[in-house]
Amino acid sequence: GVTTSAAGWDLGFGLADGEYAMTAAGTAGGATVGFGMSSDNEWDVSVAYPVGTVTVSAKTDEANVWEVGAAYAADGVSAGIVLSPANAWEISAGYDADGIVVAATFASDNSNSIGATYDMGNGLTVGGGIVDTDNYAFGSFDLGGGAKAFAEYANGAQEEVGPSDRDIAEGTTVGVSFTF
């Protein structure tokens, strides 16, 4: 595969076993535009346009799976709504200031979540939340040099949970992680 940037657009092309995929993303007329397609007759297109502190968006693909939305963001506060086929919807809200991050999502399929993290500023970050009927909590301490000590608990396995996008295994886990 190859990626490049030209005239403010990010372009990509990949080829494997006679199959291809290509992408383009950039700005046109103030809107952020994205397009992708493959040799499997798959394609998708998206557009997002900012109007002050609100961004309106739409996307669709070859299967007529579409989505429209609006999002607000200013002064550490965010809110959004996304609508898709069959009256499906998702509402989100968030707050991010002074080391505190809170994120909540409520959806038409009754998948709901609320989570928060607090960066204490001394290398210690704590957080927790609820996803549907499961709950989780964690603490991590930056040891320096890419090492972190952590302890976490979840009564059900969680993937990309809360404002920290953490993966947490079911039960209690204590460990040290390293980033190289």
N, C-alpha and C. Protein backbone atom coordinates (compact mmCIF):
# COMPACT_ATOMS: atom_id res chain seq x y z
N GLY A 1 0.81 -1.18 0.00
CA GLY A 1 0.00 0.00 0.00
C GLY A 1 0.86 1.25 0.00
N VAL A 2 0.24 2.35 -0.41
CA VAL A 2 0.90 3.63 -0.49
C VAL A 2 -0.05 4.70 0.05
N THR A 3 0.48 5.64 0.83
CA THR A 3 -0.29 6.80 1.26
C THR A 3 0.51 8.05 0.96
N THR A 4 -0.20 9.13 0.68
CA THR A 4 0.45 10.40 0.42
C THR A 4 -0.54 11.52 0.71
N SER A 5 -0.01 12.72 0.76
CA SER A 5 -0.85 13.91 0.90
C SER A 5 -0.57 14.81 -0.29
N ALA A 6 -1.64 15.36 -0.87
CA ALA A 6 -1.49 16.25 -2.03
C ALA A 6 -2.61 17.28 -1.99
N ALA A 7 -2.25 18.54 -2.07
CA ALA A 7 -3.21 19.64 -2.13
C ALA A 7 -4.21 19.59 -0.97
N GLY A 8 -3.74 19.19 0.22
CA GLY A 8 -4.61 19.15 1.39
C GLY A 8 -5.46 17.89 1.51
N TRP A 9 -5.22 16.92 0.68
CA TRP A 9 -5.97 15.66 0.71
C TRP A 9 -5.03 14.52 1.09
N ASP A 10 -5.53 13.60 1.93
CA ASP A 10 -4.80 12.38 2.26
C ASP A 10 -5.32 11.29 1.33
N LEU A 11 -4.42 10.65 0.59
CA LEU A 11 -4.79 9.65 -0.39
C LEU A 11 -4.12 8.33 -0.03
N GLY A 12 -4.84 7.23 -0.28
CA GLY A 12 -4.28 5.92 0.00
C GLY A 12 -4.69 4.91 -1.06
N PHE A 13 -3.80 3.97 -1.33
CA PHE A 13 -4.08 2.91 -2.29
C PHE A 13 -3.37 1.65 -1.81
N GLY A 14 -4.11 0.55 -1.80
CA GLY A 14 -3.52 -0.73 -1.42
C GLY A 14 -3.89 -1.81 -2.41
N LEU A 15 -2.98 -2.76 -2.62
CA LEU A 15 -3.18 -3.84 -3.56
C LEU A 15 -2.68 -5.13 -2.93
N ALA A 16 -3.52 -6.17 -2.96
CA ALA A 16 -3.12 -7.48 -2.43
C ALA A 16 -3.92 -8.55 -3.14
N ASP A 17 -3.25 -9.57 -3.63
CA ASP A 17 -3.89 -10.70 -4.30
C ASP A 17 -4.87 -10.25 -5.39
N GLY A 18 -4.49 -9.24 -6.16
CA GLY A 18 -5.33 -8.76 -7.25
C GLY A 18 -6.52 -7.92 -6.81
N GLU A 19 -6.67 -7.67 -5.53
CA GLU A 19 -7.75 -6.85 -5.00
C GLU A 19 -7.18 -5.49 -4.62
N TYR A 20 -7.99 -4.44 -4.70
CA TYR A 20 -7.51 -3.11 -4.35
C TYR A 20 -8.47 -2.40 -3.40
N ALA A 21 -7.95 -1.41 -2.74
CA ALA A 21 -8.74 -0.50 -1.91
C ALA A 21 -8.09 0.86 -2.01
N MET A 22 -8.92 1.90 -2.07
CA MET A 22 -8.37 3.25 -2.09
C MET A 22 -9.23 4.19 -1.27
N THR A 23 -8.58 5.23 -0.71
CA THR A 23 -9.26 6.19 0.14
C THR A 23 -8.80 7.60 -0.21
N ALA A 24 -9.67 8.56 0.07
CA ALA A 24 -9.34 9.97 -0.07
C ALA A 24 -10.07 10.71 1.04
N ALA A 25 -9.38 11.63 1.70
CA ALA A 25 -9.99 12.43 2.75
C ALA A 25 -9.37 13.82 2.72
N GLY A 26 -10.22 14.82 2.82
CA GLY A 26 -9.71 16.18 2.79
C GLY A 26 -10.80 17.19 3.04
N THR A 27 -10.51 18.44 2.68
CA THR A 27 -11.45 19.53 2.91
C THR A 27 -11.83 20.15 1.58
N ALA A 28 -13.13 20.41 1.43
CA ALA A 28 -13.63 21.07 0.22
C ALA A 28 -14.74 22.03 0.64
N GLY A 29 -14.58 23.29 0.34
CA GLY A 29 -15.60 24.28 0.67
C GLY A 29 -15.89 24.38 2.15
N GLY A 30 -14.90 24.11 2.99
CA GLY A 30 -15.09 24.16 4.44
C GLY A 30 -15.58 22.87 5.05
N ALA A 31 -15.97 21.91 4.22
CA ALA A 31 -16.46 20.61 4.71
C ALA A 31 -15.33 19.59 4.68
N THR A 32 -15.35 18.67 5.64
CA THR A 32 -14.43 17.54 5.64
C THR A 32 -15.11 16.42 4.88
N VAL A 33 -14.45 15.90 3.86
CA VAL A 33 -15.03 14.91 2.97
C VAL A 33 -14.17 13.66 3.00
N GLY A 34 -14.80 12.48 2.98
CA GLY A 34 -14.08 11.22 2.92
C GLY A 34 -14.72 10.29 1.90
N PHE A 35 -13.90 9.50 1.25
CA PHE A 35 -14.39 8.54 0.26
C PHE A 35 -13.49 7.33 0.27
N GLY A 36 -14.08 6.16 0.15
CA GLY A 36 -13.31 4.93 0.06
C GLY A 36 -14.00 3.96 -0.87
N MET A 37 -13.23 3.14 -1.54
CA MET A 37 -13.81 2.10 -2.40
C MET A 37 -12.84 0.94 -2.53
N SER A 38 -13.40 -0.23 -2.92
CA SER A 38 -12.57 -1.41 -3.10
C SER A 38 -13.02 -2.18 -4.32
N SER A 39 -12.23 -3.16 -4.72
CA SER A 39 -12.56 -3.99 -5.87
C SER A 39 -13.71 -4.94 -5.57
N ASP A 40 -14.16 -5.02 -4.32
CA ASP A 40 -15.30 -5.86 -3.95
C ASP A 40 -16.63 -5.11 -4.11
N ASN A 41 -16.63 -4.04 -4.92
CA ASN A 41 -17.81 -3.20 -5.12
C ASN A 41 -18.31 -2.58 -3.83
N GLU A 42 -17.42 -2.34 -2.89
CA GLU A 42 -17.77 -1.67 -1.66
C GLU A 42 -17.30 -0.22 -1.75
N TRP A 43 -18.09 0.69 -1.20
CA TRP A 43 -17.70 2.09 -1.17
C TRP A 43 -18.38 2.76 0.01
N ASP A 44 -17.82 3.88 0.44
CA ASP A 44 -18.46 4.71 1.44
C ASP A 44 -18.06 6.16 1.20
N VAL A 45 -18.95 7.06 1.59
CA VAL A 45 -18.69 8.48 1.45
C VAL A 45 -19.21 9.19 2.70
N SER A 46 -18.48 10.20 3.15
CA SER A 46 -18.90 10.94 4.34
C SER A 46 -18.58 12.42 4.16
N VAL A 47 -19.37 13.26 4.83
CA VAL A 47 -19.15 14.70 4.81
C VAL A 47 -19.52 15.26 6.17
N ALA A 48 -18.73 16.19 6.65
CA ALA A 48 -19.00 16.89 7.91
C ALA A 48 -18.73 18.36 7.69
N TYR A 49 -19.68 19.21 8.13
CA TYR A 49 -19.56 20.64 7.89
C TYR A 49 -19.76 21.40 9.19
N PRO A 50 -18.74 22.19 9.59
CA PRO A 50 -18.87 22.97 10.82
C PRO A 50 -19.67 24.26 10.59
N VAL A 51 -20.58 24.53 11.53
CA VAL A 51 -21.34 25.77 11.53
C VAL A 51 -21.18 26.35 12.92
N GLY A 52 -20.15 27.16 13.11
CA GLY A 52 -19.84 27.67 14.45
C GLY A 52 -19.39 26.54 15.34
N THR A 53 -20.04 26.37 16.49
CA THR A 53 -19.67 25.32 17.44
C THR A 53 -20.39 24.00 17.17
N VAL A 54 -21.20 23.97 16.10
CA VAL A 54 -21.95 22.76 15.74
C VAL A 54 -21.39 22.20 14.43
N THR A 55 -21.24 20.89 14.36
CA THR A 55 -20.83 20.22 13.13
C THR A 55 -21.95 19.28 12.71
N VAL A 56 -22.43 19.42 11.49
CA VAL A 56 -23.44 18.51 10.95
C VAL A 56 -22.73 17.52 10.05
N SER A 57 -23.21 16.27 10.02
CA SER A 57 -22.51 15.24 9.26
C SER A 57 -23.49 14.27 8.63
N ALA A 58 -23.02 13.58 7.59
CA ALA A 58 -23.80 12.53 6.93
C ALA A 58 -22.83 11.55 6.31
N LYS A 59 -23.25 10.28 6.25
CA LYS A 59 -22.44 9.28 5.55
C LYS A 59 -23.35 8.18 5.05
N THR A 60 -22.89 7.48 4.01
CA THR A 60 -23.62 6.35 3.44
C THR A 60 -22.63 5.41 2.78
N ASP A 61 -23.12 4.23 2.36
CA ASP A 61 -22.27 3.27 1.67
C ASP A 61 -23.07 2.50 0.63
N GLU A 62 -22.43 1.53 -0.01
CA GLU A 62 -23.06 0.79 -1.09
C GLU A 62 -24.29 0.01 -0.65
N ALA A 63 -24.42 -0.29 0.61
CA ALA A 63 -25.56 -1.05 1.13
C ALA A 63 -26.68 -0.13 1.60
N ASN A 64 -26.59 1.15 1.26
CA ASN A 64 -27.57 2.17 1.68
C ASN A 64 -27.68 2.27 3.19
N VAL A 65 -26.61 1.94 3.89
CA VAL A 65 -26.55 2.16 5.33
C VAL A 65 -26.13 3.61 5.50
N TRP A 66 -27.00 4.41 6.06
CA TRP A 66 -26.73 5.84 6.18
C TRP A 66 -26.79 6.28 7.63
N GLU A 67 -26.28 7.49 7.85
CA GLU A 67 -26.26 8.06 9.19
C GLU A 67 -26.16 9.57 9.04
N VAL A 68 -26.95 10.31 9.83
CA VAL A 68 -26.84 11.76 9.88
C VAL A 68 -26.67 12.16 11.34
N GLY A 69 -25.99 13.27 11.56
CA GLY A 69 -25.75 13.66 12.94
C GLY A 69 -25.44 15.13 13.08
N ALA A 70 -25.42 15.55 14.32
CA ALA A 70 -25.02 16.91 14.68
C ALA A 70 -24.27 16.82 16.00
N ALA A 71 -23.21 17.60 16.12
CA ALA A 71 -22.41 17.58 17.34
C ALA A 71 -22.04 19.02 17.72
N TYR A 72 -22.05 19.28 19.02
CA TYR A 72 -21.69 20.58 19.57
C TYR A 72 -20.45 20.39 20.43
N ALA A 73 -19.51 21.33 20.35
CA ALA A 73 -18.33 21.29 21.21
C ALA A 73 -17.83 22.71 21.45
N ALA A 74 -17.74 23.10 22.72
CA ALA A 74 -17.19 24.41 23.09
C ALA A 74 -16.92 24.44 24.57
N ASP A 75 -15.81 25.06 24.96
CA ASP A 75 -15.48 25.28 26.37
C ASP A 75 -15.51 24.01 27.21
N GLY A 76 -15.04 22.89 26.64
CA GLY A 76 -14.97 21.64 27.38
C GLY A 76 -16.26 20.85 27.45
N VAL A 77 -17.33 21.37 26.86
CA VAL A 77 -18.63 20.69 26.87
C VAL A 77 -18.92 20.19 25.47
N SER A 78 -19.44 18.96 25.37
CA SER A 78 -19.81 18.41 24.07
C SER A 78 -21.14 17.70 24.17
N ALA A 79 -21.85 17.66 23.04
CA ALA A 79 -23.13 16.95 22.96
C ALA A 79 -23.34 16.58 21.51
N GLY A 80 -24.03 15.49 21.28
CA GLY A 80 -24.27 15.07 19.90
C GLY A 80 -25.45 14.14 19.78
N ILE A 81 -25.95 14.05 18.56
CA ILE A 81 -27.00 13.09 18.24
C ILE A 81 -26.70 12.51 16.87
N VAL A 82 -26.95 11.20 16.73
CA VAL A 82 -26.76 10.50 15.47
C VAL A 82 -28.04 9.72 15.19
N LEU A 83 -28.54 9.84 13.97
CA LEU A 83 -29.73 9.11 13.54
C LEU A 83 -29.35 8.20 12.39
N SER A 84 -29.95 7.00 12.35
CA SER A 84 -29.68 6.04 11.29
C SER A 84 -30.97 5.29 10.97
N PRO A 85 -30.96 4.36 9.99
CA PRO A 85 -32.19 3.69 9.58
C PRO A 85 -32.96 3.05 10.74
N ALA A 86 -34.24 2.82 10.48
CA ALA A 86 -35.15 2.14 11.42
C ALA A 86 -35.28 2.90 12.74
N ASN A 87 -35.23 4.23 12.67
CA ASN A 87 -35.40 5.09 13.84
C ASN A 87 -34.36 4.84 14.93
N ALA A 88 -33.21 4.33 14.56
CA ALA A 88 -32.14 4.14 15.54
C ALA A 88 -31.51 5.51 15.83
N TRP A 89 -31.13 5.72 17.08
CA TRP A 89 -30.51 6.99 17.47
C TRP A 89 -29.53 6.76 18.61
N GLU A 90 -28.63 7.73 18.76
CA GLU A 90 -27.68 7.73 19.86
C GLU A 90 -27.43 9.18 20.27
N ILE A 91 -27.51 9.45 21.56
CA ILE A 91 -27.25 10.77 22.10
C ILE A 91 -26.02 10.67 22.99
N SER A 92 -25.11 11.62 22.86
CA SER A 92 -23.91 11.61 23.68
C SER A 92 -23.71 12.98 24.32
N ALA A 93 -23.03 12.98 25.44
CA ALA A 93 -22.69 14.22 26.14
C ALA A 93 -21.34 14.03 26.81
N GLY A 94 -20.60 15.12 26.97
CA GLY A 94 -19.30 15.01 27.59
C GLY A 94 -18.84 16.31 28.21
N TYR A 95 -17.82 16.17 29.04
CA TYR A 95 -17.19 17.31 29.70
C TYR A 95 -15.71 16.99 29.83
N ASP A 96 -14.84 17.98 29.56
CA ASP A 96 -13.40 17.76 29.62
C ASP A 96 -12.73 19.06 30.04
N ALA A 97 -12.34 19.15 31.30
CA ALA A 97 -11.64 20.34 31.79
C ALA A 97 -10.97 20.03 33.11
N ASP A 98 -9.84 20.67 33.36
CA ASP A 98 -9.12 20.57 34.64
C ASP A 98 -8.84 19.14 35.07
N GLY A 99 -8.50 18.27 34.11
CA GLY A 99 -8.14 16.89 34.43
C GLY A 99 -9.33 15.96 34.60
N ILE A 100 -10.55 16.49 34.51
CA ILE A 100 -11.76 15.68 34.65
C ILE A 100 -12.36 15.47 33.27
N VAL A 101 -12.64 14.21 32.93
CA VAL A 101 -13.29 13.88 31.67
C VAL A 101 -14.50 13.00 32.00
N VAL A 102 -15.67 13.40 31.52
CA VAL A 102 -16.90 12.64 31.71
C VAL A 102 -17.51 12.40 30.34
N ALA A 103 -17.99 11.19 30.08
CA ALA A 103 -18.63 10.86 28.80
C ALA A 103 -19.84 9.98 29.07
N ALA A 104 -20.95 10.30 28.40
CA ALA A 104 -22.17 9.52 28.54
C ALA A 104 -22.78 9.29 27.17
N THR A 105 -23.34 8.10 26.96
CA THR A 105 -23.99 7.74 25.71
C THR A 105 -25.27 6.99 26.02
N PHE A 106 -26.33 7.37 25.33
CA PHE A 106 -27.64 6.72 25.47
C PHE A 106 -28.14 6.42 24.07
N ALA A 107 -28.60 5.17 23.83
CA ALA A 107 -28.99 4.76 22.48
C ALA A 107 -30.35 4.10 22.47
N SER A 108 -30.97 4.09 21.28
CA SER A 108 -32.31 3.52 21.11
C SER A 108 -32.35 2.03 21.40
N ASP A 109 -31.22 1.33 21.29
CA ASP A 109 -31.19 -0.10 21.57
C ASP A 109 -30.92 -0.39 23.05
N ASN A 110 -31.07 0.63 23.89
CA ASN A 110 -30.87 0.54 25.34
C ASN A 110 -29.44 0.23 25.73
N SER A 111 -28.47 0.47 24.84
CA SER A 111 -27.06 0.35 25.23
C SER A 111 -26.64 1.73 25.74
N ASN A 112 -26.42 1.80 27.03
CA ASN A 112 -26.12 3.07 27.68
C ASN A 112 -24.81 2.97 28.44
N SER A 113 -24.10 4.08 28.53
CA SER A 113 -22.87 4.09 29.31
C SER A 113 -22.60 5.48 29.87
N ILE A 114 -21.93 5.49 31.00
CA ILE A 114 -21.44 6.73 31.57
C ILE A 114 -20.12 6.41 32.24
N GLY A 115 -19.13 7.25 32.02
CA GLY A 115 -17.81 7.01 32.61
C GLY A 115 -17.09 8.31 32.87
N ALA A 116 -16.12 8.25 33.76
CA ALA A 116 -15.35 9.44 34.10
C ALA A 116 -13.92 9.05 34.44
N THR A 117 -13.00 9.98 34.17
CA THR A 117 -11.61 9.83 34.60
C THR A 117 -11.18 11.13 35.25
N TYR A 118 -10.19 11.01 36.14
CA TYR A 118 -9.61 12.19 36.77
C TYR A 118 -8.11 12.02 36.79
N ASP A 119 -7.42 12.93 36.11
CA ASP A 119 -5.96 12.96 36.10
C ASP A 119 -5.54 13.86 37.25
N MET A 120 -4.97 13.26 38.29
CA MET A 120 -4.64 14.02 39.49
C MET A 120 -3.41 14.90 39.33
N GLY A 121 -2.72 14.79 38.18
CA GLY A 121 -1.60 15.67 37.90
C GLY A 121 -0.28 15.21 38.48
N ASN A 122 -0.25 14.15 39.24
CA ASN A 122 0.99 13.65 39.84
C ASN A 122 1.36 12.28 39.27
N GLY A 123 0.82 11.98 38.08
CA GLY A 123 1.05 10.68 37.46
C GLY A 123 -0.03 9.67 37.76
N LEU A 124 -0.95 10.01 38.67
CA LEU A 124 -2.03 9.10 39.05
C LEU A 124 -3.31 9.50 38.32
N THR A 125 -3.93 8.53 37.64
CA THR A 125 -5.22 8.72 36.99
C THR A 125 -6.17 7.67 37.52
N VAL A 126 -7.39 8.08 37.88
CA VAL A 126 -8.41 7.15 38.35
C VAL A 126 -9.66 7.32 37.50
N GLY A 127 -10.46 6.29 37.43
CA GLY A 127 -11.68 6.36 36.63
C GLY A 127 -12.63 5.23 36.94
N GLY A 128 -13.81 5.36 36.40
CA GLY A 128 -14.81 4.32 36.58
C GLY A 128 -16.05 4.65 35.79
N GLY A 129 -16.99 3.71 35.78
CA GLY A 129 -18.23 3.94 35.07
C GLY A 129 -19.12 2.73 35.02
N ILE A 130 -20.19 2.89 34.25
CA ILE A 130 -21.20 1.84 34.07
C ILE A 130 -21.48 1.70 32.58
N VAL A 131 -21.49 0.46 32.10
CA VAL A 131 -21.86 0.15 30.73
C VAL A 131 -23.00 -0.84 30.81
N ASP A 132 -24.19 -0.41 30.37
CA ASP A 132 -25.41 -1.21 30.51
C ASP A 132 -25.56 -1.60 31.98
N THR A 133 -25.38 -2.87 32.33
CA THR A 133 -25.51 -3.28 33.73
C THR A 133 -24.17 -3.63 34.36
N ASP A 134 -23.08 -3.48 33.62
CA ASP A 134 -21.75 -3.78 34.14
C ASP A 134 -21.09 -2.50 34.65
N ASN A 135 -20.19 -2.65 35.63
CA ASN A 135 -19.45 -1.50 36.11
C ASN A 135 -17.95 -1.81 36.10
N TYR A 136 -17.17 -0.74 36.14
CA TYR A 136 -15.71 -0.89 36.12
C TYR A 136 -15.08 0.26 36.89
N ALA A 137 -13.85 0.03 37.34
CA ALA A 137 -13.06 1.07 38.01
C ALA A 137 -11.59 0.76 37.75
N PHE A 138 -10.77 1.80 37.71
CA PHE A 138 -9.34 1.58 37.50
C PHE A 138 -8.55 2.72 38.11
N GLY A 139 -7.28 2.44 38.31
CA GLY A 139 -6.31 3.45 38.70
C GLY A 139 -5.01 3.11 38.00
N SER A 140 -4.29 4.13 37.53
CA SER A 140 -2.99 3.89 36.92
C SER A 140 -2.02 4.96 37.37
N PHE A 141 -0.76 4.56 37.51
CA PHE A 141 0.27 5.48 37.95
C PHE A 141 1.43 5.43 36.97
N ASP A 142 1.80 6.59 36.43
CA ASP A 142 2.90 6.69 35.48
C ASP A 142 4.22 6.57 36.22
N LEU A 143 4.96 5.50 35.93
CA LEU A 143 6.26 5.25 36.57
C LEU A 143 7.40 5.92 35.83
N GLY A 144 7.11 6.50 34.65
CA GLY A 144 8.14 7.13 33.83
C GLY A 144 8.76 6.16 32.85
N GLY A 145 9.38 6.66 31.81
CA GLY A 145 10.07 5.82 30.83
C GLY A 145 9.15 4.88 30.07
N GLY A 146 7.86 5.21 29.97
CA GLY A 146 6.91 4.36 29.25
C GLY A 146 6.30 3.26 30.10
N ALA A 147 6.58 3.24 31.40
CA ALA A 147 6.02 2.21 32.29
C ALA A 147 4.88 2.78 33.12
N LYS A 148 3.82 1.97 33.31
CA LYS A 148 2.69 2.36 34.15
C LYS A 148 2.28 1.18 35.01
N ALA A 149 2.01 1.45 36.27
CA ALA A 149 1.43 0.45 37.16
C ALA A 149 -0.08 0.69 37.15
N PHE A 150 -0.86 -0.39 37.21
CA PHE A 150 -2.30 -0.20 37.17
C PHE A 150 -3.02 -1.27 37.98
N ALA A 151 -4.22 -0.93 38.41
CA ALA A 151 -5.15 -1.87 39.04
C ALA A 151 -6.51 -1.54 38.45
N GLU A 152 -7.27 -2.60 38.13
CA GLU A 152 -8.59 -2.38 37.53
C GLU A 152 -9.54 -3.50 37.91
N TYR A 153 -10.82 -3.17 37.85
CA TYR A 153 -11.86 -4.15 38.15
C TYR A 153 -13.03 -3.93 37.20
N ALA A 154 -13.63 -5.01 36.74
CA ALA A 154 -14.87 -4.96 35.96
C ALA A 154 -15.66 -6.22 36.25
N ASN A 155 -16.98 -6.07 36.41
CA ASN A 155 -17.79 -7.27 36.62
C ASN A 155 -18.25 -7.88 35.31
N GLY A 156 -17.76 -7.37 34.20
CA GLY A 156 -17.97 -7.91 32.86
C GLY A 156 -16.90 -7.32 31.96
N ALA A 157 -16.31 -8.10 31.07
CA ALA A 157 -15.23 -7.60 30.20
C ALA A 157 -15.70 -6.38 29.42
N GLN A 158 -14.83 -5.38 29.32
CA GLN A 158 -15.16 -4.13 28.65
C GLN A 158 -14.12 -3.82 27.58
N GLU A 159 -14.57 -3.37 26.41
CA GLU A 159 -13.67 -2.97 25.33
C GLU A 159 -13.85 -1.50 25.05
N GLU A 160 -12.74 -0.76 24.98
CA GLU A 160 -12.73 0.67 24.69
C GLU A 160 -13.80 1.39 25.51
N VAL A 161 -13.73 1.22 26.81
CA VAL A 161 -14.76 1.72 27.70
C VAL A 161 -14.40 3.10 28.25
N GLY A 162 -15.42 3.92 28.41
CA GLY A 162 -15.29 5.22 29.05
C GLY A 162 -14.47 6.21 28.25
N PRO A 163 -14.27 7.38 28.83
CA PRO A 163 -13.51 8.41 28.12
C PRO A 163 -12.04 8.06 27.93
N SER A 164 -11.53 7.04 28.63
CA SER A 164 -10.14 6.64 28.47
C SER A 164 -9.97 5.57 27.40
N ASP A 165 -11.08 5.05 26.84
CA ASP A 165 -11.05 3.98 25.83
C ASP A 165 -10.23 2.78 26.27
N ARG A 166 -10.36 2.40 27.53
CA ARG A 166 -9.60 1.27 28.08
C ARG A 166 -10.28 -0.06 27.75
N ASP A 167 -9.48 -1.09 27.61
CA ASP A 167 -9.96 -2.47 27.57
C ASP A 167 -9.72 -3.03 28.96
N ILE A 168 -10.77 -3.55 29.60
CA ILE A 168 -10.64 -4.07 30.97
C ILE A 168 -11.21 -5.49 30.99
N ALA A 169 -10.41 -6.43 31.46
CA ALA A 169 -10.84 -7.83 31.58
C ALA A 169 -11.80 -7.97 32.76
N GLU A 170 -12.63 -8.99 32.70
CA GLU A 170 -13.54 -9.27 33.81
C GLU A 170 -12.74 -9.67 35.04
N GLY A 171 -13.15 -9.18 36.20
CA GLY A 171 -12.46 -9.47 37.45
C GLY A 171 -11.49 -8.38 37.83
N THR A 172 -10.56 -8.70 38.70
CA THR A 172 -9.55 -7.75 39.17
C THR A 172 -8.22 -8.06 38.51
N THR A 173 -7.57 -7.01 38.01
CA THR A 173 -6.27 -7.16 37.37
C THR A 173 -5.33 -6.11 37.96
N VAL A 174 -4.13 -6.54 38.32
CA VAL A 174 -3.09 -5.64 38.80
C VAL A 174 -1.86 -5.93 37.96
N GLY A 175 -1.18 -4.90 37.47
CA GLY A 175 -0.04 -5.16 36.63
C GLY A 175 0.77 -3.92 36.33
N VAL A 176 1.76 -4.12 35.47
CA VAL A 176 2.62 -3.05 34.97
C VAL A 176 2.63 -3.18 33.46
N SER A 177 2.46 -2.06 32.76
CA SER A 177 2.51 -2.08 31.30
C SER A 177 3.70 -1.22 30.84
N PHE A 178 4.23 -1.59 29.68
CA PHE A 178 5.39 -0.89 29.13
C PHE A 178 5.09 -0.47 27.71
N THR A 179 5.46 0.75 27.35
CA THR A 179 5.33 1.24 25.98
C THR A 179 6.74 1.53 25.46
N PHE A 180 7.06 0.93 24.32
CA PHE A 180 8.39 1.12 23.75
C PHE A 180 8.29 1.96 22.52
